[in-house]
Amino acid sequence: MLAPLREALAGAPGPRLADIGGGTGNYALAFKNEGYEPTVIDRSAEMLARAAAKGLETVTADAQRLPFQAASFDAAMLVSMLHHVERRSQALSEARRVLRPGGQLAVMVFTREDIADAWCLDYFPSSRPWMYETHPPVEELLSELPGARHIPVHFKDVQDASLAAMMAHPRLLLDVGRRAQTSYFERMQRDHPDELAAGLTRLAEELTAGRAPTQPGHASVLAWVKPGV
């Protein structure tokens, strides 16, 4: 999973990296080990405490109102978090603002196209409307980052711990600990617990019968460079 982000951040003019909406800092730690100097920014104090325990610099802030001066960072990344913010365009604007000229921005998202064939939506159909609402088409996202490159992401392992990463390994969806790591199942448990239970029962039965789907999920990384010298 690091490869497409690494590609998007390549050529950054320096090591300072803003991990916006970075949560517990797993990605920030990986890039710190590659020589970056990451700052994990999130509005969840609980998640940031876990990031700090990994030796990472943290700042409590909303992605839509970053407490940094313009041109404070050489690179920035927003990983699987845009669907959680109220104003996506504002979060992207703030990410661009804090980059210095020539700075690299990597945005990992699940676009409408990425989720269109996600088999899990058939097991939990109540999720389809809000998933479509919160995951815009790739062209809409690219229009907010003029000049950005689209890098397809194909999950080959489950290190990312996202729903898309687990779709190639459907048995993992039966693990309550794995499900607890995804906002998708958190919302299903909160809003549609009966449907969640029924879908998991169906999946367990189909796994036993050898009929469960194993089509892996996929995502997108948008790579953008701030104009200037």
Foldseek 3Di string as FASTA:
>chain_A
DCVVVCVLQPQQPDQEEEEEQCFLCPNVVVVVVVPHQYEYEEQDPVRVVNNVVVVHHYDHDHLLDDPDAFQQGREYEYAACLLPDPDSLSSVVSRLRNHHAQHKYKYWYAACVLCVPQPVCVLQVVCVVSVDVSHHHPVVVCVSFPPKDKDKFFAPACPVLEPLNCLLPVVVVLPPVSLVVYPSSVVCCVPPVPSVVRSSVVQVVCVVVVNHDRDGTIIIMIMHGHHDD
